Amino acid sequence: MKHLLPLLLIAACTPMPEPLPIFGDGYRADGDQCRRVGENNFTNQFLDDAADLVACPEGMENLGVFALDTGGVEVARTQGFVLYSVPIR
């Protein structure tokens, strides 16, 4: 237990990440697994007025197809999601 104490203290001091501000019923069509992402302290670095920020589950079978079909570029992975910047212009 003595060796675990420093790890427990570090874990207790590490802030939990903000949940991703995911919205909508699906990106491209209702029911799609990927969804738009809004702004928070983490995502604001990826937002662009010429692109949508989209989150897809990491385990989604057709991630590569999504990127090819939309022109999306992977910008981050967090909380079980892959974030893509998808150009809209």
Protein backbone atom coordinates (compact mmCIF):
# COMPACT_ATOMS: atom_id res chain seq x y z
CA MET A 1 0.00 0.00 0.00
CA LYS A 2 2.90 2.33 0.78
CA HIS A 3 3.99 2.24 -2.89
CA LEU A 4 0.49 2.95 -4.17
CA LEU A 5 0.02 6.15 -2.18
CA PRO A 6 1.94 8.43 -4.61
CA LEU A 7 -0.05 7.00 -7.53
CA LEU A 8 -3.33 7.53 -5.72
CA LEU A 9 -2.39 11.12 -4.94
CA ILE A 10 -1.48 11.80 -8.58
CA ALA A 11 -4.74 10.23 -9.77
CA ALA A 12 -6.73 12.28 -7.28
CA CYS A 13 -5.09 15.51 -8.49
CA THR A 14 -5.55 14.81 -12.21
CA PRO A 15 -8.67 16.61 -13.43
CA MET A 16 -11.26 14.60 -15.32
CA PRO A 17 -11.55 15.69 -18.94
CA GLU A 18 -14.65 17.64 -19.90
CA PRO A 19 -17.17 15.51 -21.75
CA LEU A 20 -17.18 16.12 -25.48
CA PRO A 21 -20.02 18.50 -26.41
CA ILE A 22 -21.55 16.11 -28.95
CA PHE A 23 -24.81 17.13 -30.60
CA GLY A 24 -27.19 16.14 -33.37
CA ASP A 25 -28.65 12.82 -34.46
CA GLY A 26 -25.81 11.75 -36.72
CA TYR A 27 -23.36 13.31 -39.11
CA ARG A 28 -24.45 13.13 -42.74
CA ALA A 29 -27.73 11.37 -41.82
CA ASP A 30 -29.87 10.75 -38.75
CA GLY A 31 -28.73 7.60 -36.99
CA ASP A 32 -25.10 7.74 -38.19
CA GLN A 33 -22.58 6.88 -35.46
CA CYS A 34 -20.53 10.03 -36.10
CA ARG A 35 -21.85 13.28 -34.69
CA ARG A 36 -20.92 16.96 -34.64
CA VAL A 37 -18.89 18.35 -31.76
CA GLY A 38 -19.22 21.80 -30.23
CA GLU A 39 -16.74 23.94 -28.34
CA ASN A 40 -15.11 23.31 -24.98
CA ASN A 41 -11.62 23.83 -23.56
CA PHE A 42 -10.26 20.83 -25.47
CA THR A 43 -12.08 21.06 -28.80
CA ASN A 44 -11.65 24.80 -29.36
CA GLN A 45 -8.16 24.16 -30.79
CA PHE A 46 -9.70 22.11 -33.62
CA LEU A 47 -12.69 24.28 -34.55
CA ASP A 48 -12.60 26.08 -37.87
CA ASP A 49 -15.25 28.12 -39.69
CA ALA A 50 -14.48 26.19 -42.89
CA ALA A 51 -14.91 22.73 -41.34
CA ASP A 52 -17.17 20.69 -39.10
CA LEU A 53 -15.63 18.98 -36.09
CA VAL A 54 -16.97 15.45 -36.03
CA ALA A 55 -16.55 12.65 -33.46
CA CYS A 56 -16.74 9.00 -34.51
CA PRO A 57 -16.45 6.06 -32.09
CA GLU A 58 -12.90 4.62 -32.14
CA GLY A 59 -14.23 1.14 -32.76
CA MET A 60 -16.39 2.12 -35.73
CA GLU A 61 -15.85 -0.37 -38.53
CA ASN A 62 -15.73 2.10 -41.43
CA LEU A 63 -13.56 4.94 -40.06
CA GLY A 64 -11.35 4.93 -43.13
CA VAL A 65 -14.34 5.07 -45.45
CA PHE A 66 -15.77 7.99 -43.45
CA ALA A 67 -12.51 9.92 -43.82
CA LEU A 68 -12.31 9.22 -47.57
CA ASP A 69 -15.97 10.01 -48.24
CA THR A 70 -15.97 13.29 -46.30
CA GLY A 71 -12.39 14.49 -46.81
CA GLY A 72 -12.08 14.47 -43.02
CA VAL A 73 -8.67 14.74 -41.40
CA GLU A 74 -8.08 13.10 -38.02
CA VAL A 75 -7.12 15.78 -35.48
CA ALA A 76 -7.32 13.93 -32.14
CA ARG A 77 -8.42 10.86 -30.21
CA THR A 78 -10.09 11.26 -26.84
CA GLN A 79 -12.65 9.59 -24.62
CA GLY A 80 -13.17 6.70 -27.06
CA PHE A 81 -13.72 8.95 -30.09
CA VAL A 82 -11.72 9.93 -33.14
CA LEU A 83 -12.15 13.62 -33.95
CA TYR A 84 -12.15 14.68 -37.59
CA SER A 85 -12.04 18.10 -39.15
CA VAL A 86 -14.38 17.78 -42.14
CA PRO A 87 -14.20 20.57 -44.73
CA ILE A 88 -17.55 22.18 -45.60
CA ARG A 89 -16.39 24.42 -48.44
